[in-house]
């Protein structure tokens, strides 16, 4: 059985984001000002704070003999499924995802992943990514996929901060979204020390990790190479797992900071969507059609003979998930050949 908020004696609406972010702003103003508004900062939202559901008061979807409705009135949202004879309605307590959204529901003390999710690409509902093969035979099964205790803990562990106490799920201590303490373990204790003028307890600087260690760190949520391989996660769906894809790149070097996750992405900022922004990252190792590789480039780093800009357009192709509603840049950096199969 998954112990949820009822057992904790604390309803989700009572949980407030009260982490150290605002206090950390005294020394880290730039990061504290932007990170809470990123997709990571909004990876989990509570009832009443979800603009998507507020602007979509009634969403509907049909699959086979089942009809789904997600209805919002004021600060409360309800997830309902009916077979035309009976209806199961559950309150939406937890909104997972800032763009595309999936909901974790509670019924009879168990946690369920909603069988349908919201996708901005269609501005509506469809089957949750990864659940396309599910074929519910009963109204109970149509609600969603039953989550085991470990999977429930992992879901909250990646989408929130402070959801674990003594290796157990603890929704009473949870803060929605990825906050300071989520990545910078010990930041709360450091904050208390800093208020007394002691700064020696600052968490380690993640930028000092090697590329391999950074990949494993980010892969705790975005999936490491080992986890994807051990889990047998094959096919285009694994394009979501950037650390795995990056490690498969021919230019990947676990000791070279130029291929680190942090070399291209600042986790305190929204992901830059302009392809040309990343040209300088690629040209830190590779030459282009108009300039040779930099002096400190790896010996095997070849120059692109085709272009000198918008590198990712060619070498990190866009891949749609099987449901067609979400598109990712493939982080397996390579020379892409026309008609080639998706490389696992």
Protein backbone atom coordinates (compact mmCIF):
# COMPACT_ATOMS: atom_id res chain seq x y z
CA UNK A 1 0.00 0.00 0.00
CA UNK A 2 1.18 3.48 -0.83
CA UNK A 3 0.88 5.79 2.17
CA UNK A 4 -0.43 9.12 0.91
CA UNK A 5 -1.52 12.39 2.48
CA UNK A 6 -4.43 10.85 4.40
CA UNK A 7 -2.00 8.76 6.43
CA UNK A 8 0.24 11.78 6.86
CA UNK A 9 -2.64 13.71 8.40
CA UNK A 10 -2.05 16.56 5.97
CA UNK A 11 -4.12 17.30 2.90
CA UNK A 12 -2.14 18.39 -0.17
CA UNK A 13 -3.75 21.83 -0.23
CA UNK A 14 -2.17 22.49 3.16
CA UNK A 15 1.34 21.88 1.87
CA UNK A 16 3.02 25.19 1.06
CA UNK A 17 6.22 25.80 -0.89
CA UNK A 18 8.29 27.21 1.96
CA UNK A 19 11.80 26.07 1.00
CA UNK A 20 14.94 28.17 1.20
CA UNK A 21 14.66 29.68 -2.30
CA UNK A 22 13.54 33.11 -1.11
CA UNK A 23 16.10 33.14 1.69
CA UNK A 24 18.84 31.90 -0.65
CA UNK A 25 18.12 34.95 -2.81
CA UNK A 26 20.13 37.07 -0.39
CA UNK A 27 23.33 35.64 -1.88
CA UNK A 28 22.04 33.92 -5.03
CA UNK A 29 19.56 36.45 -6.34
CA UNK A 30 19.87 35.63 -10.04
CA UNK A 31 19.28 31.90 -9.61
CA UNK A 32 16.50 32.35 -7.06
CA UNK A 33 14.68 34.80 -9.30
CA UNK A 34 14.50 32.57 -12.37
CA UNK A 35 14.63 28.90 -11.31
CA UNK A 36 11.15 28.70 -9.72
CA UNK A 37 9.63 29.67 -13.08
CA UNK A 38 11.44 26.99 -15.08
CA UNK A 39 9.84 23.66 -16.02
CA UNK A 40 11.89 22.07 -13.23
CA UNK A 41 10.73 24.66 -10.72
CA UNK A 42 7.15 23.93 -11.79
CA UNK A 43 7.56 20.17 -12.18
CA UNK A 44 4.79 19.60 -9.64
CA UNK A 45 1.94 21.98 -8.83
CA UNK A 46 -0.83 21.93 -6.27
CA UNK A 47 -4.57 22.56 -6.77
CA UNK A 48 -5.35 26.18 -7.50
CA UNK A 49 -1.87 26.97 -8.82
CA UNK A 50 -2.18 25.28 -12.21
CA UNK A 51 -2.75 27.86 -14.97
CA UNK A 52 -3.38 25.16 -17.57
CA UNK A 53 -6.39 23.75 -15.76
CA UNK A 54 -7.58 27.24 -14.83
CA UNK A 55 -7.72 28.21 -18.52
CA UNK A 56 -9.19 24.84 -19.54
CA UNK A 57 -12.13 24.39 -17.13
CA UNK A 58 -13.46 21.34 -18.96
CA UNK A 59 -11.37 18.84 -20.91
CA UNK A 60 -12.85 15.66 -22.41
CA UNK A 61 -11.52 12.54 -24.12
CA UNK A 62 -12.91 9.20 -25.32
CA UNK A 63 -11.20 5.83 -25.61
CA UNK A 64 -13.22 2.78 -26.55
CA UNK A 65 -16.17 2.53 -24.21
CA UNK A 66 -14.73 5.01 -21.70
CA UNK A 67 -15.13 8.78 -21.52
CA UNK A 68 -12.89 11.07 -19.50
CA UNK A 69 -13.52 14.53 -18.11
CA UNK A 70 -11.14 16.84 -16.29
CA UNK A 71 -13.20 19.66 -14.82
CA UNK A 72 -12.00 22.66 -12.84
CA UNK A 73 -14.17 24.84 -10.65
CA UNK A 74 -12.41 27.51 -8.67
CA UNK A 75 -9.32 25.96 -7.10
CA UNK A 76 -10.54 22.38 -7.35
CA UNK A 77 -10.06 20.00 -10.31
CA UNK A 78 -11.76 16.62 -10.72
CA UNK A 79 -10.75 13.67 -12.89
CA UNK A 80 -13.68 11.48 -13.96
CA UNK A 81 -14.08 8.38 -16.10
CA UNK A 82 -17.35 6.73 -17.06
CA UNK A 83 -18.47 3.72 -19.06
CA UNK A 84 -21.92 5.23 -19.53
CA UNK A 85 -23.36 3.31 -16.60
CA UNK A 86 -21.04 4.08 -13.72
CA UNK A 87 -18.63 6.92 -13.04
CA UNK A 88 -15.49 7.19 -10.92
CA UNK A 89 -14.55 10.74 -9.93
CA UNK A 90 -11.38 11.64 -8.06
CA UNK A 91 -9.94 14.99 -6.98
CA UNK A 92 -6.72 16.00 -8.71
CA UNK A 93 -4.21 16.64 -5.92
CA UNK A 94 -0.94 16.58 -7.82
CA UNK A 95 -0.18 18.05 -11.24
CA UNK A 96 3.00 16.56 -12.72
CA UNK A 97 4.60 18.57 -15.51
CA UNK A 98 4.63 22.22 -16.46
CA UNK A 99 3.74 21.82 -20.17
CA UNK A 100 2.40 18.35 -20.80
CA UNK A 101 0.66 17.24 -17.61
CA UNK A 102 -0.07 13.92 -15.98
CA UNK A 103 -1.92 13.55 -12.70
CA UNK A 104 -1.24 11.24 -9.78
CA UNK A 105 -4.52 10.18 -8.22
CA UNK A 106 -5.35 8.47 -4.94
CA UNK A 107 -8.02 5.80 -4.56
CA UNK A 108 -8.49 3.45 -1.64
CA UNK A 109 -5.02 4.25 -0.33
CA UNK A 110 -3.27 3.50 -3.61
CA UNK A 111 -1.63 5.84 -6.11
CA UNK A 112 -2.50 5.81 -9.81
CA UNK A 113 -1.00 7.52 -12.82
CA UNK A 114 -3.87 9.04 -14.80
CA UNK A 115 -4.49 7.12 -18.02
CA UNK A 116 -4.95 10.39 -19.91
CA UNK A 117 -2.77 13.50 -19.85
CA UNK A 118 -2.89 17.03 -21.21
CA UNK A 119 -0.69 17.88 -24.23
CA UNK A 120 -0.12 21.47 -25.40
CA UNK A 121 0.54 20.23 -28.96
CA UNK A 122 -3.13 19.28 -29.32
CA UNK A 123 -4.40 21.55 -26.55
CA UNK A 124 -6.28 18.61 -25.13
CA UNK A 125 -6.21 15.14 -23.63
CA UNK A 126 -4.79 11.88 -24.94
CA UNK A 127 -3.36 8.66 -23.52
CA UNK A 128 -0.45 9.19 -21.14
CA UNK A 129 2.98 8.67 -22.69
CA UNK A 130 4.13 5.11 -22.06
CA UNK A 131 0.61 3.82 -21.42
CA UNK A 132 -0.45 3.55 -25.07
CA UNK A 133 -0.45 -0.25 -24.97
CA UNK A 134 -2.78 -0.43 -21.97
CA UNK A 135 -6.25 -1.70 -22.79
CA UNK A 136 -8.56 -1.33 -19.77
CA UNK A 137 -11.21 -4.02 -19.40
CA UNK A 138 -12.98 -2.53 -16.40
CA UNK A 139 -13.87 0.93 -15.16
CA UNK A 140 -11.36 0.52 -12.34
CA UNK A 141 -8.57 -0.18 -14.82
CA UNK A 142 -9.67 2.77 -16.96
CA UNK A 143 -8.83 5.21 -14.15
CA UNK A 144 -5.10 4.75 -14.67
CA UNK A 145 -2.02 2.68 -14.02
CA UNK A 146 -1.45 1.48 -10.48
CA UNK A 147 1.87 2.74 -9.12
CA UNK A 148 3.93 0.64 -6.75
CA UNK A 149 5.47 2.20 -3.62
CA UNK A 150 8.91 2.56 -5.21
CA UNK A 151 7.58 4.16 -8.38
CA UNK A 152 5.41 6.56 -6.39
CA UNK A 153 8.41 7.63 -4.34
CA UNK A 154 10.44 8.13 -7.52
CA UNK A 155 7.71 10.25 -9.12
CA UNK A 156 7.54 12.63 -6.18
CA UNK A 157 11.29 12.44 -5.67
CA UNK A 158 12.00 13.85 -9.13
CA UNK A 159 9.17 16.35 -9.34
CA UNK A 160 9.36 17.86 -5.86
CA UNK A 161 11.74 18.71 -3.03
CA UNK A 162 11.90 17.14 0.42
CA UNK A 163 9.51 14.28 -0.34
CA UNK A 164 11.66 11.64 1.33
CA UNK A 165 12.41 11.15 5.03
CA UNK A 166 14.48 8.13 6.08
CA UNK A 167 14.10 6.74 2.54
CA UNK A 168 10.29 6.81 2.82
CA UNK A 169 7.77 8.95 0.97
CA UNK A 170 6.81 11.92 3.13
CA UNK A 171 4.25 14.22 1.58
CA UNK A 172 4.04 16.24 4.80
CA UNK A 173 7.53 17.64 4.13
CA UNK A 174 7.14 18.01 0.39
CA UNK A 175 7.70 21.28 -1.48
CA UNK A 176 6.25 21.44 -5.02
CA UNK A 177 8.80 21.54 -7.81
CA UNK A 178 12.57 21.25 -7.91
CA UNK A 179 13.94 23.66 -5.29
CA UNK A 180 17.40 24.50 -4.01
CA UNK A 181 17.66 21.54 -1.63
CA UNK A 182 16.71 19.07 -4.36
CA UNK A 183 20.01 19.51 -6.21
CA UNK A 184 22.11 21.30 -3.61
CA UNK A 185 21.86 18.86 -0.73
CA UNK A 186 22.56 20.59 2.55
CA UNK A 187 21.50 24.04 1.36
CA UNK A 188 18.96 24.37 4.19
CA UNK A 189 21.64 23.72 6.81
CA UNK A 190 23.99 26.07 4.97
CA UNK A 191 21.30 28.75 5.06
CA UNK A 192 21.03 28.51 8.82
CA UNK A 193 24.82 28.66 9.16
CA UNK A 194 25.03 31.64 6.81
CA UNK A 195 22.54 33.58 8.92
CA UNK A 196 25.07 33.26 11.74
CA UNK A 197 27.96 34.31 9.54
CA UNK A 198 29.37 30.83 8.88
CA UNK A 199 29.74 29.91 5.23
CA UNK A 200 31.96 26.83 5.40
CA UNK A 201 29.02 24.44 5.02
CA UNK A 202 28.20 25.50 1.45
CA UNK A 203 27.16 22.51 -0.69
CA UNK A 204 29.69 21.31 -3.28
CA UNK A 205 29.67 23.18 -6.58
CA UNK A 206 28.06 20.95 -9.16
CA UNK A 207 30.01 22.65 -11.95
CA UNK A 208 33.13 21.03 -10.54
CA UNK A 209 31.78 17.53 -11.26
CA UNK A 210 33.22 15.69 -14.25
CA UNK A 211 31.02 15.29 -17.30
CA UNK A 212 30.40 11.66 -16.37
CA UNK A 213 29.46 12.53 -12.79
CA UNK A 214 27.23 15.36 -14.00
CA UNK A 215 25.49 12.98 -16.39
CA UNK A 216 24.87 10.53 -13.56
CA UNK A 217 23.69 13.34 -11.28
CA UNK A 218 21.19 14.70 -13.79
CA UNK A 219 20.36 11.13 -14.76
CA UNK A 220 18.85 10.49 -11.35
CA UNK A 221 15.72 11.98 -12.87
CA UNK A 222 16.52 12.21 -16.58
CA UNK A 223 17.74 8.57 -16.61
CA UNK A 224 21.34 7.44 -16.64
CA UNK A 225 22.89 5.30 -19.39
CA UNK A 226 22.98 2.32 -17.03
CA UNK A 227 19.35 2.65 -15.99
CA UNK A 228 18.09 2.82 -19.56
CA UNK A 229 20.18 -0.19 -20.63
CA UNK A 230 19.25 -2.28 -17.60
CA UNK A 231 15.60 -1.38 -18.05
CA UNK A 232 15.61 -2.38 -21.71
CA UNK A 233 14.08 0.96 -22.69
CA UNK A 234 14.38 0.70 -26.45
CA UNK A 235 12.90 2.67 -29.32
CA UNK A 236 12.15 6.31 -29.96
CA UNK A 237 10.65 6.76 -26.51
CA UNK A 238 14.12 6.83 -24.98
CA UNK A 239 14.89 10.13 -26.72
CA UNK A 240 13.52 11.67 -23.51
CA UNK A 241 16.50 10.36 -21.56
CA UNK A 242 19.16 12.89 -22.46
CA UNK A 243 22.05 11.55 -20.31
CA UNK A 244 21.67 8.15 -21.98
CA UNK A 245 21.51 9.62 -25.46
CA UNK A 246 24.45 11.94 -24.84
CA UNK A 247 26.62 9.07 -23.61
CA UNK A 248 26.02 7.29 -26.92
CA UNK A 249 27.41 10.23 -28.90
CA UNK A 250 30.67 9.60 -30.70
CA UNK A 251 32.11 12.80 -29.22
CA UNK A 252 31.15 11.97 -25.63
CA UNK A 253 34.05 12.12 -23.18
CA UNK A 254 33.27 11.73 -19.50
CA UNK A 255 36.28 13.83 -18.54
CA UNK A 256 35.78 16.74 -20.98
CA UNK A 257 33.67 19.58 -19.50
CA UNK A 258 32.74 20.75 -23.01
CA UNK A 259 30.34 17.80 -23.36
CA UNK A 260 28.79 18.13 -19.90
CA UNK A 261 25.06 18.77 -19.41
CA UNK A 262 26.02 22.04 -17.74
CA UNK A 263 28.13 23.13 -20.70
CA UNK A 264 24.93 23.76 -22.64
CA UNK A 265 22.20 24.16 -20.05
CA UNK A 266 21.86 26.36 -16.99
CA UNK A 267 19.35 24.55 -14.75
CA UNK A 268 18.40 27.88 -13.16
CA UNK A 269 17.17 29.20 -16.52
CA UNK A 270 14.56 28.08 -19.02
CA UNK A 271 16.00 25.95 -21.80
CA UNK A 272 17.11 28.16 -24.68
CA UNK A 273 15.05 27.23 -27.74
CA UNK A 274 17.08 29.18 -30.29
CA UNK A 275 19.26 26.66 -32.13
CA UNK A 276 22.02 29.15 -32.94
CA UNK A 277 22.66 29.66 -29.20
CA UNK A 278 24.38 26.27 -29.11
CA UNK A 279 26.74 26.91 -32.04
CA UNK A 280 29.49 28.16 -29.74
CA UNK A 281 29.16 24.98 -27.66
CA UNK A 282 29.73 22.79 -30.70
CA UNK A 283 32.52 24.98 -32.08
CA UNK A 284 34.38 24.70 -28.77
CA UNK A 285 35.58 21.34 -30.15
CA UNK A 286 34.65 21.21 -33.83
CA UNK A 287 35.58 23.40 -36.74
CA UNK A 288 33.12 24.54 -39.37
CA UNK A 289 33.04 25.08 -43.10
CA UNK A 290 34.74 28.43 -42.59
CA UNK A 291 36.99 27.95 -39.58
CA UNK A 292 39.34 25.24 -38.28
CA UNK A 293 38.86 23.47 -34.93
CA UNK A 294 40.15 25.38 -31.89
CA UNK A 295 43.73 24.74 -30.83
CA UNK A 296 42.69 22.64 -27.81
CA UNK A 297 40.16 20.54 -29.69
CA UNK A 298 40.36 16.74 -29.35
CA UNK A 299 42.41 15.21 -32.13
CA UNK A 300 39.42 13.22 -33.41
CA UNK A 301 37.09 16.25 -33.57
CA UNK A 302 36.23 16.74 -37.21
CA UNK A 303 35.20 19.94 -38.90
CA UNK A 304 31.75 20.25 -40.43
CA UNK A 305 32.06 20.66 -44.18
CA UNK A 306 28.46 21.72 -44.63
CA UNK A 307 27.76 24.72 -42.38
CA UNK A 308 28.99 26.97 -39.61
CA UNK A 309 25.74 27.66 -37.77
CA UNK A 310 22.60 25.96 -36.41
CA UNK A 311 24.61 22.80 -35.74
CA UNK A 312 21.85 21.12 -33.74
CA UNK A 313 19.44 21.26 -36.68
CA UNK A 314 21.50 18.60 -38.44
CA UNK A 315 23.38 16.80 -35.70
CA UNK A 316 20.66 16.61 -33.03
CA UNK A 317 17.53 15.75 -35.03
CA UNK A 318 14.08 16.32 -33.62
CA UNK A 319 12.32 13.08 -32.67
CA UNK A 320 8.63 12.75 -31.91
CA UNK A 321 7.43 10.35 -29.27
CA UNK A 322 5.24 7.52 -30.59
CA UNK A 323 2.05 9.40 -29.66
CA UNK A 324 3.18 12.35 -31.80
CA UNK A 325 2.42 14.95 -29.14
CA UNK A 326 5.91 15.65 -27.77
CA UNK A 327 9.12 16.37 -29.67
CA UNK A 328 12.66 16.22 -28.30
CA UNK A 329 16.08 17.11 -29.70
CA UNK A 330 18.02 13.86 -29.83
CA UNK A 331 21.11 14.24 -27.63
CA UNK A 332 22.90 11.42 -29.43
CA UNK A 333 25.06 13.84 -31.40
CA UNK A 334 26.04 12.35 -34.76
CA UNK A 335 26.19 12.72 -38.52
CA UNK A 336 22.61 11.93 -39.46
CA UNK A 337 22.08 9.98 -42.65
CA UNK A 338 18.84 10.17 -44.59
CA UNK A 339 16.54 7.21 -44.05
CA UNK A 340 18.57 5.66 -41.23
CA UNK A 341 16.73 3.89 -38.43
CA UNK A 342 16.55 5.48 -34.99
CA UNK A 343 19.78 4.49 -33.23
CA UNK A 344 19.28 2.86 -29.83
